[in-house]
Amino acid sequence: MNVNVFVMRVDGALQAEMLLLPIVPRAPIPDKYRVDWEYFATVDTGDGMFVDIDALAIDIEIAASGFAVVIPTLPNRP
């Protein structure tokens, strides 16, 4: 599934979470995720960016909740 990835930056570094929203006209954004996130990329859930997370698990979470929050496996970089 193609998703838009959003990150939150603090002092130029990525936070420990990424917000994934499906590419649909009215993707629901939970209240606690409505501010301070910036667009990062549009990728497939099977992308290497999520190497330690099963793409099917992400797809299931999005189907159930309308979004997914994942922890990146790469080190936090500025």
N, C-alpha and C. Protein backbone atom coordinates (compact mmCIF):
# COMPACT_ATOMS: atom_id res chain seq x y z
N MET A 1 0.85 -1.17 0.00
CA MET A 1 0.00 0.00 0.00
C MET A 1 0.90 1.24 0.00
N ASN A 2 0.54 2.23 -0.79
CA ASN A 2 1.28 3.49 -0.78
C ASN A 2 0.77 4.35 0.36
N VAL A 3 1.70 4.97 1.08
CA VAL A 3 1.36 5.81 2.22
C VAL A 3 2.17 7.09 2.20
N ASN A 4 1.62 8.12 2.81
CA ASN A 4 2.37 9.34 3.07
C ASN A 4 2.98 9.19 4.45
N VAL A 5 4.27 9.51 4.55
CA VAL A 5 5.00 9.39 5.82
C VAL A 5 5.24 10.80 6.36
N PHE A 6 4.92 10.98 7.63
CA PHE A 6 5.14 12.25 8.31
C PHE A 6 6.07 12.01 9.50
N VAL A 7 6.93 12.99 9.76
CA VAL A 7 7.85 12.91 10.89
C VAL A 7 7.73 14.19 11.70
N MET A 8 8.19 14.12 12.93
CA MET A 8 8.26 15.29 13.78
C MET A 8 9.74 15.56 14.02
N ARG A 9 10.13 16.80 13.86
CA ARG A 9 11.55 17.14 14.04
C ARG A 9 11.72 18.00 15.28
N VAL A 10 12.72 17.67 16.07
CA VAL A 10 13.09 18.45 17.25
C VAL A 10 14.57 18.74 17.11
N ASP A 11 14.92 20.00 17.08
CA ASP A 11 16.31 20.42 16.89
C ASP A 11 16.91 19.78 15.64
N GLY A 12 16.12 19.64 14.59
CA GLY A 12 16.61 19.12 13.32
C GLY A 12 16.70 17.62 13.25
N ALA A 13 16.47 16.91 14.34
CA ALA A 13 16.55 15.45 14.34
C ALA A 13 15.14 14.86 14.25
N LEU A 14 15.04 13.64 13.74
CA LEU A 14 13.75 12.97 13.67
C LEU A 14 13.37 12.45 15.04
N GLN A 15 12.10 12.52 15.35
CA GLN A 15 11.59 11.89 16.55
C GLN A 15 11.60 10.38 16.37
N ALA A 16 11.22 9.67 17.38
CA ALA A 16 11.28 8.21 17.34
C ALA A 16 10.06 7.56 16.70
N GLU A 17 9.17 8.35 16.08
CA GLU A 17 7.98 7.78 15.47
C GLU A 17 7.78 8.37 14.07
N MET A 18 7.14 7.58 13.21
CA MET A 18 6.70 8.07 11.92
C MET A 18 5.20 7.80 11.82
N LEU A 19 4.47 8.78 11.35
CA LEU A 19 3.03 8.65 11.15
C LEU A 19 2.78 8.29 9.70
N LEU A 20 2.07 7.18 9.45
CA LEU A 20 1.78 6.73 8.10
C LEU A 20 0.29 6.89 7.84
N LEU A 21 -0.04 7.60 6.76
CA LEU A 21 -1.42 7.78 6.36
C LEU A 21 -1.61 7.27 4.95
N PRO A 22 -2.70 6.57 4.70
CA PRO A 22 -2.94 6.08 3.35
C PRO A 22 -3.18 7.26 2.41
N ILE A 23 -2.93 7.04 1.14
CA ILE A 23 -3.15 8.09 0.15
C ILE A 23 -4.61 8.02 -0.29
N VAL A 24 -5.44 8.69 0.46
CA VAL A 24 -6.86 8.79 0.16
C VAL A 24 -7.27 10.23 0.43
N PRO A 25 -8.37 10.70 -0.20
CA PRO A 25 -8.75 12.10 -0.02
C PRO A 25 -9.02 12.52 1.42
N ARG A 26 -9.56 11.63 2.24
CA ARG A 26 -9.90 12.01 3.61
C ARG A 26 -9.28 11.06 4.62
N ALA A 27 -7.98 10.99 4.65
CA ALA A 27 -7.30 10.13 5.62
C ALA A 27 -7.50 10.72 7.02
N PRO A 28 -8.00 9.91 7.95
CA PRO A 28 -8.23 10.43 9.31
C PRO A 28 -6.90 10.65 10.04
N ILE A 29 -6.81 11.76 10.72
CA ILE A 29 -5.61 12.04 11.51
C ILE A 29 -6.06 12.13 12.96
N PRO A 30 -5.56 11.25 13.80
CA PRO A 30 -5.94 11.29 15.22
C PRO A 30 -5.58 12.64 15.85
N ASP A 31 -6.39 13.08 16.81
CA ASP A 31 -6.18 14.39 17.44
C ASP A 31 -4.75 14.58 17.93
N LYS A 32 -4.18 13.57 18.58
CA LYS A 32 -2.84 13.76 19.15
C LYS A 32 -1.75 13.87 18.09
N TYR A 33 -2.07 13.59 16.83
CA TYR A 33 -1.10 13.69 15.74
C TYR A 33 -1.39 14.84 14.78
N ARG A 34 -2.20 15.79 15.18
CA ARG A 34 -2.61 16.85 14.25
C ARG A 34 -1.65 18.02 14.15
N VAL A 35 -0.69 18.15 15.02
CA VAL A 35 0.23 19.29 14.96
C VAL A 35 1.68 18.82 15.01
N ASP A 36 2.55 19.65 14.48
CA ASP A 36 4.00 19.48 14.55
C ASP A 36 4.58 18.39 13.65
N TRP A 37 3.79 17.73 12.83
CA TRP A 37 4.31 16.71 11.92
C TRP A 37 4.57 17.36 10.57
N GLU A 38 5.62 16.93 9.89
CA GLU A 38 5.86 17.43 8.54
C GLU A 38 6.01 16.27 7.57
N TYR A 39 5.59 16.54 6.36
CA TYR A 39 5.65 15.52 5.32
C TYR A 39 7.10 15.10 5.10
N PHE A 40 7.33 13.79 4.97
CA PHE A 40 8.68 13.27 4.76
C PHE A 40 8.81 12.58 3.41
N ALA A 41 7.86 11.69 3.07
CA ALA A 41 7.96 10.93 1.82
C ALA A 41 6.66 10.20 1.53
N THR A 42 6.52 9.76 0.28
CA THR A 42 5.45 8.85 -0.09
C THR A 42 6.13 7.56 -0.51
N VAL A 43 5.81 6.47 0.16
CA VAL A 43 6.48 5.19 -0.10
C VAL A 43 5.46 4.05 -0.02
N ASP A 44 5.89 2.89 -0.42
CA ASP A 44 5.10 1.67 -0.28
C ASP A 44 5.41 1.09 1.10
N THR A 45 4.42 0.46 1.72
CA THR A 45 4.64 -0.11 3.06
C THR A 45 5.66 -1.24 3.04
N GLY A 46 5.99 -1.78 1.87
CA GLY A 46 7.02 -2.79 1.76
C GLY A 46 8.41 -2.21 1.54
N ASP A 47 8.54 -0.89 1.59
CA ASP A 47 9.80 -0.21 1.36
C ASP A 47 10.83 -0.58 2.42
N GLY A 48 12.10 -0.50 2.06
CA GLY A 48 13.19 -0.79 2.98
C GLY A 48 13.23 0.12 4.19
N MET A 49 12.52 1.22 4.13
CA MET A 49 12.44 2.14 5.26
C MET A 49 11.84 1.45 6.49
N PHE A 50 11.01 0.44 6.23
CA PHE A 50 10.34 -0.29 7.30
C PHE A 50 10.87 -1.71 7.39
N VAL A 51 12.15 -1.89 7.20
CA VAL A 51 12.76 -3.21 7.06
C VAL A 51 12.44 -4.18 8.20
N ASP A 52 12.32 -3.71 9.41
CA ASP A 52 12.05 -4.61 10.55
C ASP A 52 10.56 -4.77 10.85
N ILE A 53 9.71 -4.16 10.04
CA ILE A 53 8.28 -4.22 10.27
C ILE A 53 7.63 -4.87 9.05
N ASP A 54 6.83 -5.87 9.29
CA ASP A 54 6.14 -6.57 8.23
C ASP A 54 5.15 -5.63 7.54
N ALA A 55 5.23 -5.53 6.22
CA ALA A 55 4.32 -4.66 5.47
C ALA A 55 2.86 -5.01 5.73
N LEU A 56 2.57 -6.29 5.87
CA LEU A 56 1.20 -6.71 6.14
C LEU A 56 0.72 -6.17 7.48
N ALA A 57 1.59 -6.12 8.47
CA ALA A 57 1.22 -5.59 9.79
C ALA A 57 0.87 -4.10 9.68
N ILE A 58 1.62 -3.37 8.87
CA ILE A 58 1.33 -1.95 8.67
C ILE A 58 -0.02 -1.81 7.95
N ASP A 59 -0.22 -2.60 6.91
CA ASP A 59 -1.47 -2.54 6.15
C ASP A 59 -2.68 -2.87 7.04
N ILE A 60 -2.53 -3.85 7.91
CA ILE A 60 -3.61 -4.23 8.83
C ILE A 60 -3.92 -3.10 9.80
N GLU A 61 -2.88 -2.47 10.34
CA GLU A 61 -3.07 -1.35 11.27
C GLU A 61 -3.78 -0.19 10.59
N ILE A 62 -3.39 0.12 9.36
CA ILE A 62 -4.03 1.20 8.62
C ILE A 62 -5.49 0.85 8.33
N ALA A 63 -5.75 -0.41 7.95
CA ALA A 63 -7.13 -0.83 7.68
C ALA A 63 -7.99 -0.73 8.94
N ALA A 64 -7.42 -1.03 10.09
CA ALA A 64 -8.18 -1.02 11.35
C ALA A 64 -8.36 0.39 11.91
N SER A 65 -7.31 1.21 11.82
CA SER A 65 -7.33 2.51 12.48
C SER A 65 -7.38 3.70 11.53
N GLY A 66 -7.04 3.47 10.26
CA GLY A 66 -6.96 4.58 9.31
C GLY A 66 -5.60 5.22 9.27
N PHE A 67 -4.68 4.76 10.13
CA PHE A 67 -3.31 5.28 10.17
C PHE A 67 -2.44 4.24 10.87
N ALA A 68 -1.15 4.46 10.83
CA ALA A 68 -0.21 3.62 11.59
C ALA A 68 0.91 4.51 12.10
N VAL A 69 1.43 4.17 13.24
CA VAL A 69 2.61 4.85 13.79
C VAL A 69 3.68 3.79 13.94
N VAL A 70 4.85 4.06 13.35
CA VAL A 70 5.94 3.09 13.42
C VAL A 70 7.19 3.75 13.96
N ILE A 71 8.07 2.93 14.49
CA ILE A 71 9.35 3.39 15.01
C ILE A 71 10.41 3.07 13.96
N PRO A 72 11.12 4.08 13.48
CA PRO A 72 12.13 3.81 12.44
C PRO A 72 13.27 2.96 12.97
N THR A 73 13.83 2.15 12.08
CA THR A 73 14.93 1.27 12.49
C THR A 73 16.29 1.94 12.28
N LEU A 74 16.33 3.01 11.51
CA LEU A 74 17.59 3.70 11.28
C LEU A 74 17.90 4.60 12.46
N PRO A 75 19.17 4.88 12.69
CA PRO A 75 19.53 5.78 13.80
C PRO A 75 18.95 7.17 13.57
N ASN A 76 18.73 7.87 14.66
CA ASN A 76 18.23 9.23 14.62
C ASN A 76 19.31 10.14 14.08
N ARG A 77 19.03 10.80 12.95
CA ARG A 77 20.03 11.67 12.33
C ARG A 77 19.47 13.08 12.17
N PRO A 78 20.34 14.09 12.27
CA PRO A 78 19.88 15.48 12.07
C PRO A 78 19.58 15.77 10.63
